[in-house]
PDB file of N, CA and C in Angstrom:
ATOM      1  N   MET A   1       0.844  -1.163   0.000  1.00  0.00           N
ATOM      2  CA  MET A   1       0.000   0.000   0.000  1.00  0.00           C
ATOM      3  C   MET A   1       0.899   1.239   0.000  1.00  0.00           C
ATOM      4  N   VAL A   2       0.543   2.207  -0.826  1.00  0.00           N
ATOM      5  CA  VAL A   2       1.322   3.435  -0.970  1.00  0.00           C
ATOM      6  C   VAL A   2       0.424   4.617  -0.610  1.00  0.00           C
ATOM      7  N   TYR A   3       0.932   5.493   0.232  1.00  0.00           N
ATOM      8  CA  TYR A   3       0.184   6.687   0.608  1.00  0.00           C
ATOM      9  C   TYR A   3       0.276   7.721  -0.501  1.00  0.00           C
ATOM     10  N   VAL A   4      -0.812   8.494  -0.681  1.00  0.00           N
ATOM     11  CA  VAL A   4      -0.903   9.448  -1.783  1.00  0.00           C
ATOM     12  C   VAL A   4      -1.333  10.799  -1.220  1.00  0.00           C
ATOM     13  N   ILE A   5      -0.681  11.873  -1.705  1.00  0.00           N
ATOM     14  CA  ILE A   5      -1.115  13.239  -1.398  1.00  0.00           C
ATOM     15  C   ILE A   5      -1.306  13.982  -2.713  1.00  0.00           C
ATOM     16  N   ASN A   6      -2.200  14.976  -2.704  1.00  0.00           N
ATOM     17  CA  ASN A   6      -2.457  15.723  -3.939  1.00  0.00           C
ATOM     18  C   ASN A   6      -1.500  16.909  -4.046  1.00  0.00           C
ATOM     19  N   GLN A   7      -1.717  17.772  -5.014  1.00  0.00           N
ATOM     20  CA  GLN A   7      -0.824  18.913  -5.234  1.00  0.00           C
ATOM     21  C   GLN A   7      -0.812  19.874  -4.057  1.00  0.00           C
ATOM     22  N   GLU A   8      -1.915  19.986  -3.344  1.00  0.00           N
ATOM     23  CA  GLU A   8      -2.007  20.895  -2.193  1.00  0.00           C
ATOM     24  C   GLU A   8      -1.531  20.226  -0.911  1.00  0.00           C
ATOM     25  N   LYS A   9      -0.902  19.047  -1.009  1.00  0.00           N
ATOM     26  CA  LYS A   9      -0.340  18.285   0.110  1.00  0.00           C
ATOM     27  C   LYS A   9      -1.403  17.806   1.091  1.00  0.00           C
ATOM     28  N   GLN A  10      -2.599  17.535   0.583  1.00  0.00           N
ATOM     29  CA  GLN A  10      -3.653  16.959   1.409  1.00  0.00           C
ATOM     30  C   GLN A  10      -3.715  15.458   1.133  1.00  0.00           C
ATOM     31  N   PRO A  11      -3.915  14.649   2.166  1.00  0.00           N
ATOM     32  CA  PRO A  11      -3.910  13.199   1.962  1.00  0.00           C
ATOM     33  C   PRO A  11      -5.117  12.713   1.182  1.00  0.00           C
ATOM     34  N   LEU A  12      -4.873  11.736   0.328  1.00  0.00           N
ATOM     35  CA  LEU A  12      -5.917  11.039  -0.419  1.00  0.00           C
ATOM     36  C   LEU A  12      -5.918   9.584   0.019  1.00  0.00           C
ATOM     37  N   MET A  13      -6.804   8.792  -0.569  1.00  0.00           N
ATOM     38  CA  MET A  13      -6.850   7.372  -0.245  1.00  0.00           C
ATOM     39  C   MET A  13      -5.585   6.688  -0.758  1.00  0.00           C
ATOM     40  N   PRO A  14      -5.039   5.730  -0.018  1.00  0.00           N
ATOM     41  CA  PRO A  14      -3.849   5.011  -0.485  1.00  0.00           C
ATOM     42  C   PRO A  14      -4.159   4.166  -1.714  1.00  0.00           C
ATOM     43  N   CYS A  15      -3.114   3.834  -2.456  1.00  0.00           N
ATOM     44  CA  CYS A  15      -3.284   3.015  -3.655  1.00  0.00           C
ATOM     45  C   CYS A  15      -2.354   1.802  -3.574  1.00  0.00           C
ATOM     46  N   HIS A  16      -2.536   0.881  -4.500  1.00  0.00           N
ATOM     47  CA  HIS A  16      -1.685  -0.305  -4.554  1.00  0.00           C
ATOM     48  C   HIS A  16      -0.334   0.047  -5.166  1.00  0.00           C
ATOM     49  N   ASN A  17       0.644  -0.814  -4.922  1.00  0.00           N
ATOM     50  CA  ASN A  17       2.001  -0.590  -5.418  1.00  0.00           C
ATOM     51  C   ASN A  17       2.052  -0.487  -6.938  1.00  0.00           C
ATOM     52  N   VAL A  18       1.247  -1.274  -7.633  1.00  0.00           N
ATOM     53  CA  VAL A  18       1.258  -1.280  -9.103  1.00  0.00           C
ATOM     54  C   VAL A  18       0.799   0.065  -9.641  1.00  0.00           C
ATOM     55  N   ILE A  19      -0.260   0.617  -9.072  1.00  0.00           N
ATOM     56  CA  ILE A  19      -0.777   1.918  -9.519  1.00  0.00           C
ATOM     57  C   ILE A  19       0.260   3.000  -9.266  1.00  0.00           C
ATOM     58  N   ALA A  20       0.892   2.975  -8.094  1.00  0.00           N
ATOM     59  CA  ALA A  20       1.912   3.980  -7.776  1.00  0.00           C
ATOM     60  C   ALA A  20       3.090   3.873  -8.748  1.00  0.00           C
ATOM     61  N   ARG A  21       3.505   2.657  -9.067  1.00  0.00           N
ATOM     62  CA  ARG A  21       4.616   2.467 -10.000  1.00  0.00           C
ATOM     63  C   ARG A  21       4.280   3.022 -11.372  1.00  0.00           C
ATOM     64  N   LEU A  22       3.043   2.798 -11.840  1.00  0.00           N
ATOM     65  CA  LEU A  22       2.632   3.326 -13.144  1.00  0.00           C
ATOM     66  C   LEU A  22       2.585   4.847 -13.140  1.00  0.00           C
ATOM     67  N   LEU A  23       2.069   5.445 -12.064  1.00  0.00           N
ATOM     68  CA  LEU A  23       2.021   6.909 -11.980  1.00  0.00           C
ATOM     69  C   LEU A  23       3.421   7.507 -11.983  1.00  0.00           C
ATOM     70  N   LEU A  24       4.352   6.876 -11.281  1.00  0.00           N
ATOM     71  CA  LEU A  24       5.730   7.370 -11.259  1.00  0.00           C
ATOM     72  C   LEU A  24       6.390   7.222 -12.626  1.00  0.00           C
ATOM     73  N   LYS A  25       6.151   6.099 -13.296  1.00  0.00           N
ATOM     74  CA  LYS A  25       6.763   5.853 -14.602  1.00  0.00           C
ATOM     75  C   LYS A  25       6.238   6.810 -15.666  1.00  0.00           C
ATOM     76  N   GLN A  26       4.940   7.162 -15.583  1.00  0.00           N
ATOM     77  CA  GLN A  26       4.325   8.064 -16.556  1.00  0.00           C
ATOM     78  C   GLN A  26       4.597   9.533 -16.242  1.00  0.00           C
ATOM     79  N   GLY A  27       5.239   9.827 -15.122  1.00  0.00           N
ATOM     80  CA  GLY A  27       5.540  11.207 -14.761  1.00  0.00           C
ATOM     81  C   GLY A  27       4.358  11.952 -14.167  1.00  0.00           C
ATOM     82  N   LYS A  28       3.345  11.237 -13.710  1.00  0.00           N
ATOM     83  CA  LYS A  28       2.167  11.868 -13.123  1.00  0.00           C
ATOM     84  C   LYS A  28       2.288  12.028 -11.615  1.00  0.00           C
ATOM     85  N   ALA A  29       3.372  11.496 -11.039  1.00  0.00           N
ATOM     86  CA  ALA A  29       3.582  11.590  -9.598  1.00  0.00           C
ATOM     87  C   ALA A  29       5.074  11.624  -9.314  1.00  0.00           C
ATOM     88  N   LYS A  30       5.408  12.074  -8.107  1.00  0.00           N
ATOM     89  CA  LYS A  30       6.800  12.067  -7.673  1.00  0.00           C
ATOM     90  C   LYS A  30       6.855  11.513  -6.256  1.00  0.00           C
ATOM     91  N   VAL A  31       8.016  11.017  -5.879  1.00  0.00           N
ATOM     92  CA  VAL A  31       8.196  10.454  -4.548  1.00  0.00           C
ATOM     93  C   VAL A  31       8.347  11.610  -3.564  1.00  0.00           C
ATOM     94  N   LYS A  32       7.493  11.632  -2.569  1.00  0.00           N
ATOM     95  CA  LYS A  32       7.548  12.691  -1.559  1.00  0.00           C
ATOM     96  C   LYS A  32       8.336  12.244  -0.335  1.00  0.00           C
ATOM     97  N   SER A  33       8.157  10.985   0.066  1.00  0.00           N
ATOM     98  CA  SER A  33       8.840  10.455   1.236  1.00  0.00           C
ATOM     99  C   SER A  33       9.103   8.972   1.027  1.00  0.00           C
ATOM    100  N   LYS A  34      10.242   8.506   1.517  1.00  0.00           N
ATOM    101  CA  LYS A  34      10.560   7.091   1.371  1.00  0.00           C
ATOM    102  C   LYS A  34      10.128   6.275   2.579  1.00  0.00           C
ATOM    103  N   THR A  35      10.023   6.903   3.748  1.00  0.00           N
ATOM    104  CA  THR A  35       9.586   6.202   4.948  1.00  0.00           C
ATOM    105  C   THR A  35       8.547   7.024   5.664  1.00  0.00           C
ATOM    106  N   PRO A  36       7.274   6.704   5.654  1.00  0.00           N
ATOM    107  CA  PRO A  36       6.628   5.688   4.847  1.00  0.00           C
ATOM    108  C   PRO A  36       6.573   6.151   3.390  1.00  0.00           C
ATOM    109  N   PHE A  37       6.563   5.199   2.477  1.00  0.00           N
ATOM    110  CA  PHE A  37       6.610   5.533   1.057  1.00  0.00           C
ATOM    111  C   PHE A  37       5.351   6.295   0.666  1.00  0.00           C
ATOM    112  N   THR A  38       5.543   7.537   0.220  1.00  0.00           N
ATOM    113  CA  THR A  38       4.433   8.433  -0.112  1.00  0.00           C
ATOM    114  C   THR A  38       4.726   9.087  -1.449  1.00  0.00           C
ATOM    115  N   ILE A  39       3.695   9.156  -2.304  1.00  0.00           N
ATOM    116  CA  ILE A  39       3.845   9.847  -3.579  1.00  0.00           C
ATOM    117  C   ILE A  39       2.948  11.077  -3.594  1.00  0.00           C
ATOM    118  N   GLN A  40       3.366  12.075  -4.374  1.00  0.00           N
ATOM    119  CA  GLN A  40       2.565  13.288  -4.550  1.00  0.00           C
ATOM    120  C   GLN A  40       2.173  13.370  -6.012  1.00  0.00           C
ATOM    121  N   LEU A  41       0.868  13.537  -6.245  1.00  0.00           N
ATOM    122  CA  LEU A  41       0.371  13.649  -7.612  1.00  0.00           C
ATOM    123  C   LEU A  41       0.749  14.995  -8.203  1.00  0.00           C
ATOM    124  N   LEU A  42       1.044  15.014  -9.492  1.00  0.00           N
ATOM    125  CA  LEU A  42       1.455  16.242 -10.166  1.00  0.00           C
ATOM    126  C   LEU A  42       0.340  16.825 -11.027  1.00  0.00           C
ATOM    127  N   TYR A  43      -0.873  16.315 -10.882  1.00  0.00           N
ATOM    128  CA  TYR A  43      -2.011  16.831 -11.654  1.00  0.00           C
ATOM    129  C   TYR A  43      -3.176  17.078 -10.692  1.00  0.00           C
ATOM    130  N   ASN A  44      -4.110  17.926 -11.118  1.00  0.00           N
ATOM    131  CA  ASN A  44      -5.246  18.270 -10.265  1.00  0.00           C
ATOM    132  C   ASN A  44      -6.198  17.095 -10.127  1.00  0.00           C
ATOM    133  N   THR A  45      -6.637  16.859  -8.912  1.00  0.00           N
ATOM    134  CA  THR A  45      -7.619  15.821  -8.622  1.00  0.00           C
ATOM    135  C   THR A  45      -8.629  16.369  -7.633  1.00  0.00           C
ATOM    136  N   SER A  46      -9.753  15.691  -7.531  1.00  0.00           N
ATOM    137  CA  SER A  46     -10.707  16.063  -6.490  1.00  0.00           C
ATOM    138  C   SER A  46     -10.187  15.519  -5.163  1.00  0.00           C
ATOM    139  N   SER A  47     -10.558  16.148  -4.098  1.00  0.00           N
ATOM    140  CA  SER A  47     -10.078  15.712  -2.785  1.00  0.00           C
ATOM    141  C   SER A  47     -11.081  14.751  -2.153  1.00  0.00           C
ATOM    142  N   TYR A  48     -11.539  13.784  -2.947  1.00  0.00           N
ATOM    143  CA  TYR A  48     -12.492  12.797  -2.473  1.00  0.00           C
ATOM    144  C   TYR A  48     -11.790  11.780  -1.581  1.00  0.00           C
ATOM    145  N   ILE A  49     -12.301  11.632  -0.377  1.00  0.00           N
ATOM    146  CA  ILE A  49     -11.782  10.624   0.536  1.00  0.00           C
ATOM    147  C   ILE A  49     -12.958   9.834   1.110  1.00  0.00           C
ATOM    148  N   GLN A  50     -12.705   8.640   1.554  1.00  0.00           N
ATOM    149  CA  GLN A  50     -13.745   7.785   2.101  1.00  0.00           C
ATOM    150  C   GLN A  50     -13.649   7.757   3.628  1.00  0.00           C
ATOM    151  N   ASP A  51     -14.791   7.536   4.268  1.00  0.00           N
ATOM    152  CA  ASP A  51     -14.788   7.342   5.708  1.00  0.00           C
ATOM    153  C   ASP A  51     -14.305   5.935   6.001  1.00  0.00           C
ATOM    154  N   ILE A  52     -13.371   5.833   6.925  1.00  0.00           N
ATOM    155  CA  ILE A  52     -12.789   4.546   7.279  1.00  0.00           C
ATOM    156  C   ILE A  52     -12.950   4.339   8.775  1.00  0.00           C
ATOM    157  N   THR A  53     -13.322   3.117   9.138  1.00  0.00           N
ATOM    158  CA  THR A  53     -13.444   2.748  10.542  1.00  0.00           C
ATOM    159  C   THR A  53     -12.223   1.937  10.934  1.00  0.00           C
ATOM    160  N   LEU A  54     -11.593   2.341  12.036  1.00  0.00           N
ATOM    161  CA  LEU A  54     -10.411   1.650  12.536  1.00  0.00           C
ATOM    162  C   LEU A  54     -10.822   0.772  13.704  1.00  0.00           C
ATOM    163  N   GLY A  55     -10.443  -0.492  13.641  1.00  0.00           N
ATOM    164  CA  GLY A  55     -10.752  -1.422  14.718  1.00  0.00           C
ATOM    165  C   GLY A  55      -9.480  -2.004  15.290  1.00  0.00           C
ATOM    166  N   MET A  56      -9.433  -2.106  16.627  1.00  0.00           N
ATOM    167  CA  MET A  56      -8.273  -2.684  17.305  1.00  0.00           C
ATOM    168  C   MET A  56      -8.746  -3.761  18.266  1.00  0.00           C
ATOM    169  N   ASP A  57      -8.052  -4.882  18.252  1.00  0.00           N
ATOM    170  CA  ASP A  57      -8.331  -5.964  19.173  1.00  0.00           C
ATOM    171  C   ASP A  57      -7.080  -6.173  20.011  1.00  0.00           C
ATOM    172  N   THR A  58      -7.129  -5.738  21.263  1.00  0.00           N
ATOM    173  CA  THR A  58      -5.961  -5.855  22.128  1.00  0.00           C
ATOM    174  C   THR A  58      -6.035  -7.160  22.899  1.00  0.00           C
ATOM    175  N   GLY A  59      -4.973  -7.888  22.852  1.00  0.00           N
ATOM    176  CA  GLY A  59      -4.880  -9.142  23.577  1.00  0.00           C
ATOM    177  C   GLY A  59      -3.671  -9.111  24.491  1.00  0.00           C
ATOM    178  N   SER A  60      -3.397 -10.221  25.151  1.00  0.00           N
ATOM    179  CA  SER A  60      -2.265 -10.252  26.074  1.00  0.00           C
ATOM    180  C   SER A  60      -0.936 -10.381  25.347  1.00  0.00           C
ATOM    181  N   SER A  61      -0.928 -11.073  24.212  1.00  0.00           N
ATOM    182  CA  SER A  61       0.333 -11.252  23.499  1.00  0.00           C
ATOM    183  C   SER A  61       0.308 -10.725  22.072  1.00  0.00           C
ATOM    184  N   LYS A  62      -0.887 -10.452  21.532  1.00  0.00           N
ATOM    185  CA  LYS A  62      -0.993  -9.946  20.156  1.00  0.00           C
ATOM    186  C   LYS A  62      -2.024  -8.840  20.082  1.00  0.00           C
ATOM    187  N   VAL A  63      -1.800  -7.896  19.167  1.00  0.00           N
ATOM    188  CA  VAL A  63      -2.737  -6.806  18.919  1.00  0.00           C
ATOM    189  C   VAL A  63      -3.103  -6.848  17.445  1.00  0.00           C
ATOM    190  N   GLY A  64      -4.392  -6.872  17.153  1.00  0.00           N
ATOM    191  CA  GLY A  64      -4.856  -6.874  15.779  1.00  0.00           C
ATOM    192  C   GLY A  64      -5.421  -5.520  15.408  1.00  0.00           C
ATOM    193  N   VAL A  65      -5.100  -5.041  14.204  1.00  0.00           N
ATOM    194  CA  VAL A  65      -5.559  -3.738  13.728  1.00  0.00           C
ATOM    195  C   VAL A  65      -6.160  -3.927  12.338  1.00  0.00           C
ATOM    196  N   ALA A  66      -7.307  -3.282  12.085  1.00  0.00           N
ATOM    197  CA  ALA A  66      -7.939  -3.364  10.767  1.00  0.00           C
ATOM    198  C   ALA A  66      -8.611  -2.039  10.451  1.00  0.00           C
ATOM    199  N   ALA A  67      -8.557  -1.640   9.185  1.00  0.00           N
ATOM    200  CA  ALA A  67      -9.250  -0.449   8.692  1.00  0.00           C
ATOM    201  C   ALA A  67     -10.228  -0.906   7.624  1.00  0.00           C
ATOM    202  N   VAL A  68     -11.511  -0.520   7.789  1.00  0.00           N
ATOM    203  CA  VAL A  68     -12.581  -1.001   6.922  1.00  0.00           C
ATOM    204  C   VAL A  68     -13.389   0.189   6.425  1.00  0.00           C
ATOM    205  N   THR A  69     -13.784   0.173   5.134  1.00  0.00           N
ATOM    206  CA  THR A  69     -14.632   1.227   4.584  1.00  0.00           C
ATOM    207  C   THR A  69     -16.087   0.950   4.949  1.00  0.00           C
ATOM    208  N   GLU A  70     -16.974   1.866   4.570  1.00  0.00           N
ATOM    209  CA  GLU A  70     -18.392   1.716   4.876  1.00  0.00           C
ATOM    210  C   GLU A  70     -19.005   0.516   4.158  1.00  0.00           C
ATOM    211  N   LYS A  71     -18.435   0.136   3.019  1.00  0.00           N
ATOM    212  CA  LYS A  71     -18.950  -0.999   2.245  1.00  0.00           C
ATOM    213  C   LYS A  71     -18.300  -2.315   2.658  1.00  0.00           C
ATOM    214  N   SER A  72     -17.698  -2.341   3.836  1.00  0.00           N
ATOM    215  CA  SER A  72     -17.043  -3.527   4.407  1.00  0.00           C
ATOM    216  C   SER A  72     -15.864  -4.011   3.579  1.00  0.00           C
ATOM    217  N   LYS A  73     -15.212  -3.116   2.860  1.00  0.00           N
ATOM    218  CA  LYS A  73     -13.997  -3.468   2.130  1.00  0.00           C
ATOM    219  C   LYS A  73     -12.802  -3.229   3.053  1.00  0.00           C
ATOM    220  N   VAL A  74     -11.982  -4.245   3.231  1.00  0.00           N
ATOM    221  CA  VAL A  74     -10.827  -4.144   4.116  1.00  0.00           C
ATOM    222  C   VAL A  74      -9.711  -3.394   3.393  1.00  0.00           C
ATOM    223  N   VAL A  75      -9.245  -2.311   4.003  1.00  0.00           N
ATOM    224  CA  VAL A  75      -8.188  -1.500   3.417  1.00  0.00           C
ATOM    225  C   VAL A  75      -6.832  -1.875   4.007  1.00  0.00           C
ATOM    226  N   TYR A  76      -6.806  -2.185   5.299  1.00  0.00           N
ATOM    227  CA  TYR A  76      -5.537  -2.456   5.980  1.00  0.00           C
ATOM    228  C   TYR A  76      -5.769  -3.470   7.088  1.00  0.00           C
ATOM    229  N   VAL A  77      -4.887  -4.447   7.195  1.00  0.00           N
ATOM    230  CA  VAL A  77      -4.944  -5.447   8.263  1.00  0.00           C
ATOM    231  C   VAL A  77      -3.526  -5.704   8.743  1.00  0.00           C
ATOM    232  N   SER A  78      -3.340  -5.788  10.050  1.00  0.00           N
ATOM    233  CA  SER A  78      -2.032  -6.150  10.582  1.00  0.00           C
ATOM    234  C   SER A  78      -2.199  -6.822  11.930  1.00  0.00           C
ATOM    235  N   GLU A  79      -1.183  -7.576  12.294  1.00  0.00           N
ATOM    236  CA  GLU A  79      -1.148  -8.236  13.598  1.00  0.00           C
ATOM    237  C   GLU A  79       0.214  -7.966  14.200  1.00  0.00           C
ATOM    238  N   ILE A  80       0.225  -7.469  15.414  1.00  0.00           N
ATOM    239  CA  ILE A  80       1.463  -7.097  16.094  1.00  0.00           C
ATOM    240  C   ILE A  80       1.674  -8.045  17.257  1.00  0.00           C
ATOM    241  N   THR A  81       2.844  -8.661  17.315  1.00  0.00           N
ATOM    242  CA  THR A  81       3.182  -9.551  18.418  1.00  0.00           C
ATOM    243  C   THR A  81       3.969  -8.748  19.454  1.00  0.00           C
ATOM    244  N   LEU A  82       3.472  -8.749  20.670  1.00  0.00           N
ATOM    245  CA  LEU A  82       4.109  -8.007  21.754  1.00  0.00           C
ATOM    246  C   LEU A  82       5.227  -8.834  22.376  1.00  0.00           C
ATOM    247  N   ARG A  83       6.223  -8.153  22.896  1.00  0.00           N
ATOM    248  CA  ARG A  83       7.346  -8.831  23.539  1.00  0.00           C
ATOM    249  C   ARG A  83       6.985  -9.140  24.983  1.00  0.00           C
ATOM    250  N   ASN A  84       7.275 -10.373  25.399  1.00  0.00           N
ATOM    251  CA  ASN A  84       7.011 -10.784  26.775  1.00  0.00           C
ATOM    252  C   ASN A  84       8.296 -11.117  27.528  1.00  0.00           C
ATOM    253  N   ASP A  85       9.442 -10.865  26.916  1.00  0.00           N
ATOM    254  CA  ASP A  85      10.708 -11.258  27.520  1.00  0.00           C
ATOM    255  C   ASP A  85      11.493 -10.098  28.125  1.00  0.00           C
ATOM    256  N   ILE A  86      10.915  -8.935  28.211  1.00  0.00           N
ATOM    257  CA  ILE A  86      11.667  -7.767  28.668  1.00  0.00           C
ATOM    258  C   ILE A  86      12.017  -7.876  30.148  1.00  0.00           C
ATOM    259  N   SER A  87      11.072  -8.311  30.984  1.00  0.00           N
ATOM    260  CA  SER A  87      11.355  -8.406  32.419  1.00  0.00           C
ATOM    261  C   SER A  87      12.447  -9.438  32.692  1.00  0.00           C
ATOM    262  N   GLU A  88      12.441 -10.537  31.936  1.00  0.00           N
ATOM    263  CA  GLU A  88      13.496 -11.538  32.103  1.00  0.00           C
ATOM    264  C   GLU A  88      14.857 -10.978  31.707  1.00  0.00           C
ATOM    265  N   LYS A  89      14.901 -10.227  30.637  1.00  0.00           N
ATOM    266  CA  LYS A  89      16.164  -9.646  30.188  1.00  0.00           C
ATOM    267  C   LYS A  89      16.685  -8.614  31.185  1.00  0.00           C
ATOM    268  N   LEU A  90      15.801  -7.809  31.772  1.00  0.00           N
ATOM    269  CA  LEU A  90      16.228  -6.839  32.776  1.00  0.00           C
ATOM    270  C   LEU A  90      16.735  -7.537  34.032  1.00  0.00           C
ATOM    271  N   THR A  91      16.101  -8.623  34.413  1.00  0.00           N
ATOM    272  CA  THR A  91      16.550  -9.385  35.581  1.00  0.00           C
ATOM    273  C   THR A  91      17.934  -9.978  35.333  1.00  0.00           C
ATOM    274  N   ARG A  92      18.128 -10.552  34.122  1.00  0.00           N
ATOM    275  CA  ARG A  92      19.428 -11.122  33.783  1.00  0.00           C
ATOM    276  C   ARG A  92      20.512 -10.037  33.746  1.00  0.00           C
ATOM    277  N   ARG A  93      20.178  -8.878  33.222  1.00  0.00           N
ATOM    278  CA  ARG A  93      21.158  -7.790  33.169  1.00  0.00           C
ATOM    279  C   ARG A  93      21.512  -7.314  34.569  1.00  0.00           C
ATOM    280  N   GLY A  94      20.536  -7.299  35.466  1.00  0.00           N
ATOM    281  CA  GLY A  94      20.820  -6.886  36.852  1.00  0.00           C
ATOM    282  C   GLY A  94      21.746  -7.847  37.565  1.00  0.00           C
ATOM    283  N   LYS A  95      21.694  -9.121  37.194  1.00  0.00           N
ATOM    284  CA  LYS A  95      22.583 -10.109  37.827  1.00  0.00           C
ATOM    285  C   LYS A  95      24.039  -9.892  37.419  1.00  0.00           C
ATOM    286  N   TYR A  96      24.255  -9.353  36.210  1.00  0.00           N
ATOM    287  CA  TYR A  96      25.629  -9.147  35.750  1.00  0.00           C
ATOM    288  C   TYR A  96      26.256  -8.001  36.509  1.00  0.00           C
TER     289      TYR A  96
END
């Protein structure tokens, strides 16, 4: 997924990597930032954006995140594994 901003530097809906690559190759966009990878369009567009609902499921060892549009289309999904070994590492370091 590639983040997109328009000429006025306002955020638009993200696009797929293939679309971003084609826009860059055709000269219709330029790279604005590499981390996170963001392109800026070089032509006028409408500032149409969709409402997105963000959902988070917090657990003891994993956190799930999802972004869904009003039509139940999933835009973003991720799962984050939390570290449970920090207290053990601090205890071991204190022994040294």
